[in-house]
Every structure is written in C-alpha cells, then in structure tokens.
Amino acid sequence: MFKSTVPALFMASCLPATLAATCSAVGYLTSNSVVGLGPQGGMSGVFLYNGDGDKIGELTGDAGACTDIADISGDGLDDTFGWAATCNINSFRECHGSYADAGHIDGLPPTGADSDFYGIGIATDAQCKIEFEC
C-alpha cells in the first residue's frame, strides 16, 4: 500500500504548479504630436491578460501606468494585481508588480518605439510587461 501512496502524493503535490496559468500585465505609454507644434499630450494605462491572452482587466483613470502603486482587478483572478512603474518622458525605466503571495515580481525589460511590442498597438511609444502565476 505504501508503494502506491507515495507516487499519488507526489503527483498531487505537483498538481497546483502544473495547472497554474501565466497571466500578464502590460503597461503602455502613447504620445500624440503635430509636426511643427511638438507633443500634444498622451495616454498611459495597464491591461491585464489571462493565460489565453484574453484581456481581463484594465487600469484607467488619472494614475496611468507611471505610478508608485495601483491595484487592478481582473475577471477570474482571485486577488487584485498590484502595478508600479517608473518612467521617463515617453518611456518606462522599469515596472514591477505583486499578486497573491508574490510580493515583488520584476517586469521584463521595457520596449521602446524601435523595438518589438508586447501586443498593444501601433500608436504605442513604450510598453512594460510583467508575467505572473495566476
């Protein structure tokens, strides 16, 4: 009996890690400019995506993506996601977050206008992505 119990217990202990999905939070910065007039404003925000790539949440409002801390709720998430980022004028310096028991999750290196984007769109100047187990 002991021989059959040990493999079953081992598999059961691995099960939650195996079924955990990787969600992501993608912050974006955009700017609008007119030739001869220069910058005319911009927008920023954060989208949450589930493991299938479906948008499940969004940070909107005055805080934008460049904030010390913002809580974002997502459809199907057990906890809120904590987002924080430091920025230069039209670019991210870094981003990091927190979710459930993970108190600090480093973001991937930020993208700029001349690099590959993480999937927001063509009007984006910069993006920063954080992947987390959800």
C-alpha atoms as a PDB file:
ATOM      1  CA  MET A   1       0.000   0.000   0.000  1.00  0.00           C
ATOM      2  CA  PHE A   2       2.831   2.418   0.836  1.00  0.00           C
ATOM      3  CA  LYS A   3       4.379   1.933  -2.623  1.00  0.00           C
ATOM      4  CA  SER A   4       1.218   3.114  -4.366  1.00  0.00           C
ATOM      5  CA  THR A   5       0.563   6.005  -1.967  1.00  0.00           C
ATOM      6  CA  VAL A   6       3.910   7.767  -2.425  1.00  0.00           C
ATOM      7  CA  PRO A   7       3.590   8.321  -6.217  1.00  0.00           C
ATOM      8  CA  ALA A   8      -0.001   9.513  -5.764  1.00  0.00           C
ATOM      9  CA  LEU A   9       1.018  12.011  -3.077  1.00  0.00           C
ATOM     10  CA  PHE A  10       3.908  13.239  -5.221  1.00  0.00           C
ATOM     11  CA  MET A  11       1.627  13.816  -8.205  1.00  0.00           C
ATOM     12  CA  ALA A  12      -0.945  15.581  -6.032  1.00  0.00           C
ATOM     13  CA  SER A  13       1.713  17.924  -4.650  1.00  0.00           C
ATOM     14  CA  CYS A  14       2.790  18.862  -8.194  1.00  0.00           C
ATOM     15  CA  LEU A  15      -0.740  19.404  -9.465  1.00  0.00           C
ATOM     16  CA  PRO A  16      -1.297  23.079  -8.482  1.00  0.00           C
ATOM     17  CA  ALA A  17       2.008  24.151 -10.026  1.00  0.00           C
ATOM     18  CA  THR A  18       1.215  22.237 -13.189  1.00  0.00           C
ATOM     19  CA  LEU A  19      -2.215  23.840 -13.580  1.00  0.00           C
ATOM     20  CA  ALA A  20      -1.107  27.396 -12.760  1.00  0.00           C
ATOM     21  CA  ALA A  21      -1.517  29.755 -15.695  1.00  0.00           C
ATOM     22  CA  THR A  22       0.796  32.611 -16.588  1.00  0.00           C
ATOM     23  CA  CYS A  23      -1.078  35.900 -16.712  1.00  0.00           C
ATOM     24  CA  SER A  24       0.453  39.213 -17.710  1.00  0.00           C
ATOM     25  CA  ALA A  25       0.115  42.911 -17.053  1.00  0.00           C
ATOM     26  CA  VAL A  26       1.182  45.201 -19.903  1.00  0.00           C
ATOM     27  CA  GLY A  27       1.648  48.912 -19.281  1.00  0.00           C
ATOM     28  CA  TYR A  28       1.679  51.290 -22.232  1.00  0.00           C
ATOM     29  CA  LEU A  29       2.636  54.903 -22.945  1.00  0.00           C
ATOM     30  CA  THR A  30       1.468  56.812 -26.020  1.00  0.00           C
ATOM     31  CA  SER A  31       2.015  60.350 -27.182  1.00  0.00           C
ATOM     32  CA  ASN A  32       0.425  62.500 -29.853  1.00  0.00           C
ATOM     33  CA  SER A  33       2.398  65.110 -31.734  1.00  0.00           C
ATOM     34  CA  VAL A  34       1.833  67.502 -34.604  1.00  0.00           C
ATOM     35  CA  VAL A  35       4.638  68.452 -36.991  1.00  0.00           C
ATOM     36  CA  GLY A  36       5.749  71.966 -36.118  1.00  0.00           C
ATOM     37  CA  LEU A  37       3.837  72.038 -32.834  1.00  0.00           C
ATOM     38  CA  GLY A  38       5.513  69.193 -30.953  1.00  0.00           C
ATOM     39  CA  PRO A  39       3.907  66.991 -28.299  1.00  0.00           C
ATOM     40  CA  GLN A  40       0.162  67.429 -27.866  1.00  0.00           C
ATOM     41  CA  GLY A  41      -0.488  65.056 -24.987  1.00  0.00           C
ATOM     42  CA  GLY A  42      -0.518  61.363 -24.369  1.00  0.00           C
ATOM     43  CA  MET A  43      -2.126  58.462 -22.594  1.00  0.00           C
ATOM     44  CA  SER A  44      -0.991  55.593 -20.435  1.00  0.00           C
ATOM     45  CA  GLY A  45      -2.568  52.606 -18.793  1.00  0.00           C
ATOM     46  CA  VAL A  46      -2.252  48.923 -17.986  1.00  0.00           C
ATOM     47  CA  PHE A  47      -4.052  45.890 -19.411  1.00  0.00           C
ATOM     48  CA  LEU A  48      -4.301  42.518 -17.635  1.00  0.00           C
ATOM     49  CA  TYR A  49      -4.348  39.337 -19.727  1.00  0.00           C
ATOM     50  CA  ASN A  50      -5.144  35.769 -18.705  1.00  0.00           C
ATOM     51  CA  GLY A  51      -3.114  32.727 -19.758  1.00  0.00           C
ATOM     52  CA  ASP A  52      -5.035  32.511 -23.062  1.00  0.00           C
ATOM     53  CA  GLY A  53      -4.182  36.120 -23.970  1.00  0.00           C
ATOM     54  CA  ASP A  54      -7.687  37.469 -23.333  1.00  0.00           C
ATOM     55  CA  LYS A  55      -7.935  40.935 -21.761  1.00  0.00           C
ATOM     56  CA  ILE A  56      -9.398  40.508 -18.262  1.00  0.00           C
ATOM     57  CA  GLY A  57      -8.743  43.872 -16.614  1.00  0.00           C
ATOM     58  CA  GLU A  58      -7.611  47.436 -17.177  1.00  0.00           C
ATOM     59  CA  LEU A  59      -6.157  50.331 -15.213  1.00  0.00           C
ATOM     60  CA  THR A  60      -7.835  53.565 -16.184  1.00  0.00           C
ATOM     61  CA  GLY A  61      -8.050  56.986 -14.650  1.00  0.00           C
ATOM     62  CA  ASP A  62      -5.593  59.643 -13.615  1.00  0.00           C
ATOM     63  CA  ALA A  63      -2.927  57.332 -12.183  1.00  0.00           C
ATOM     64  CA  GLY A  64      -1.887  55.920 -15.541  1.00  0.00           C
ATOM     65  CA  ALA A  65       0.933  53.420 -15.938  1.00  0.00           C
ATOM     66  CA  CYS A  66       3.618  55.579 -14.260  1.00  0.00           C
ATOM     67  CA  THR A  67       2.577  55.248 -10.637  1.00  0.00           C
ATOM     68  CA  ASP A  68       4.019  54.137  -7.312  1.00  0.00           C
ATOM     69  CA  ILE A  69       1.232  51.593  -6.806  1.00  0.00           C
ATOM     70  CA  ALA A  70      -2.132  50.812  -8.370  1.00  0.00           C
ATOM     71  CA  ASP A  71      -4.472  47.893  -7.738  1.00  0.00           C
ATOM     72  CA  ILE A  72      -6.054  46.302 -10.800  1.00  0.00           C
ATOM     73  CA  SER A  73      -8.927  43.827 -10.654  1.00  0.00           C
ATOM     74  CA  GLY A  74      -9.207  41.145 -13.296  1.00  0.00           C
ATOM     75  CA  ASP A  75     -12.062  38.845 -14.281  1.00  0.00           C
ATOM     76  CA  GLY A  76     -11.302  35.378 -12.943  1.00  0.00           C
ATOM     77  CA  LEU A  77      -8.424  36.460 -10.682  1.00  0.00           C
ATOM     78  CA  ASP A  78      -8.617  35.539  -7.002  1.00  0.00           C
ATOM     79  CA  ASP A  79      -6.687  38.662  -5.919  1.00  0.00           C
ATOM     80  CA  THR A  80      -6.055  42.137  -7.279  1.00  0.00           C
ATOM     81  CA  PHE A  81      -2.798  42.727  -9.126  1.00  0.00           C
ATOM     82  CA  GLY A  82      -0.500  45.462  -7.812  1.00  0.00           C
ATOM     83  CA  TRP A  83       1.230  47.508 -10.552  1.00  0.00           C
ATOM     84  CA  ALA A  84       4.057  50.035 -10.177  1.00  0.00           C
ATOM     85  CA  ALA A  85       6.396  51.630 -12.720  1.00  0.00           C
ATOM     86  CA  THR A  86       8.921  54.414 -13.048  1.00  0.00           C
ATOM     87  CA  CYS A  87       9.081  56.343 -16.295  1.00  0.00           C
ATOM     88  CA  ASN A  88      10.989  58.933 -18.257  1.00  0.00           C
ATOM     89  CA  ILE A  89       9.130  61.325 -20.560  1.00  0.00           C
ATOM     90  CA  ASN A  90       7.920  58.750 -23.114  1.00  0.00           C
ATOM     91  CA  SER A  91       9.481  55.533 -21.874  1.00  0.00           C
ATOM     92  CA  PHE A  92       9.489  53.121 -18.975  1.00  0.00           C
ATOM     93  CA  ARG A  93      12.560  52.796 -16.798  1.00  0.00           C
ATOM     94  CA  GLU A  94      11.166  49.669 -15.138  1.00  0.00           C
ATOM     95  CA  CYS A  95       7.965  48.047 -13.931  1.00  0.00           C
ATOM     96  CA  HIS A  96       7.170  45.612 -11.159  1.00  0.00           C
ATOM     97  CA  GLY A  97       4.129  44.150  -9.510  1.00  0.00           C
ATOM     98  CA  SER A  98       2.654  41.893  -6.869  1.00  0.00           C
ATOM     99  CA  TYR A  99      -0.006  39.210  -6.887  1.00  0.00           C
ATOM    100  CA  ALA A 100      -1.268  36.888  -4.145  1.00  0.00           C
ATOM    101  CA  ASP A 101       1.766  35.575  -2.215  1.00  0.00           C
ATOM    102  CA  ALA A 102       4.286  37.038  -4.684  1.00  0.00           C
ATOM    103  CA  GLY A 103       5.195  40.331  -3.005  1.00  0.00           C
ATOM    104  CA  HIS A 104       7.591  41.546  -5.717  1.00  0.00           C
ATOM    105  CA  ILE A 105       7.575  40.470  -9.361  1.00  0.00           C
ATOM    106  CA  ASP A 106      10.133  42.093 -11.671  1.00  0.00           C
ATOM    107  CA  GLY A 107       8.912  43.134 -15.094  1.00  0.00           C
ATOM    108  CA  LEU A 108      10.548  42.243 -18.384  1.00  0.00           C
ATOM    109  CA  PRO A 109      12.851  44.838 -19.965  1.00  0.00           C
ATOM    110  CA  PRO A 110      10.726  47.728 -21.289  1.00  0.00           C
ATOM    111  CA  THR A 111      10.257  48.198 -25.014  1.00  0.00           C
ATOM    112  CA  GLY A 112      10.601  51.437 -26.913  1.00  0.00           C
ATOM    113  CA  ALA A 113       9.358  52.757 -30.240  1.00  0.00           C
ATOM    114  CA  ASP A 114      12.145  50.996 -32.158  1.00  0.00           C
ATOM    115  CA  SER A 115      11.687  47.525 -30.674  1.00  0.00           C
ATOM    116  CA  ASP A 116       9.169  44.699 -30.624  1.00  0.00           C
ATOM    117  CA  PHE A 117       5.979  45.409 -28.733  1.00  0.00           C
ATOM    118  CA  TYR A 118       4.144  43.134 -26.316  1.00  0.00           C
ATOM    119  CA  GLY A 119       0.880  43.400 -28.237  1.00  0.00           C
ATOM    120  CA  ILE A 120      -0.920  46.721 -27.570  1.00  0.00           C
ATOM    121  CA  GLY A 121      -0.822  48.546 -30.922  1.00  0.00           C
ATOM    122  CA  ILE A 122       0.986  50.771 -33.405  1.00  0.00           C
ATOM    123  CA  ALA A 123       0.419  54.086 -31.586  1.00  0.00           C
ATOM    124  CA  THR A 124       2.356  52.875 -28.560  1.00  0.00           C
ATOM    125  CA  ASP A 125       5.621  54.596 -27.688  1.00  0.00           C
ATOM    126  CA  ALA A 126       6.684  52.194 -24.946  1.00  0.00           C
ATOM    127  CA  GLN A 127       5.498  49.135 -23.060  1.00  0.00           C
ATOM    128  CA  CYS A 128       6.490  47.224 -19.949  1.00  0.00           C
ATOM    129  CA  LYS A 129       5.280  43.685 -19.232  1.00  0.00           C
ATOM    130  CA  ILE A 130       5.033  41.685 -16.014  1.00  0.00           C
ATOM    131  CA  GLU A 131       4.283  37.971 -16.109  1.00  0.00           C
ATOM    132  CA  PHE A 132       2.798  36.313 -13.020  1.00  0.00           C
ATOM    133  CA  GLU A 133       1.333  32.971 -11.993  1.00  0.00           C
ATOM    134  CA  CYS A 134      -2.429  33.201 -11.684  1.00  0.00           C
END
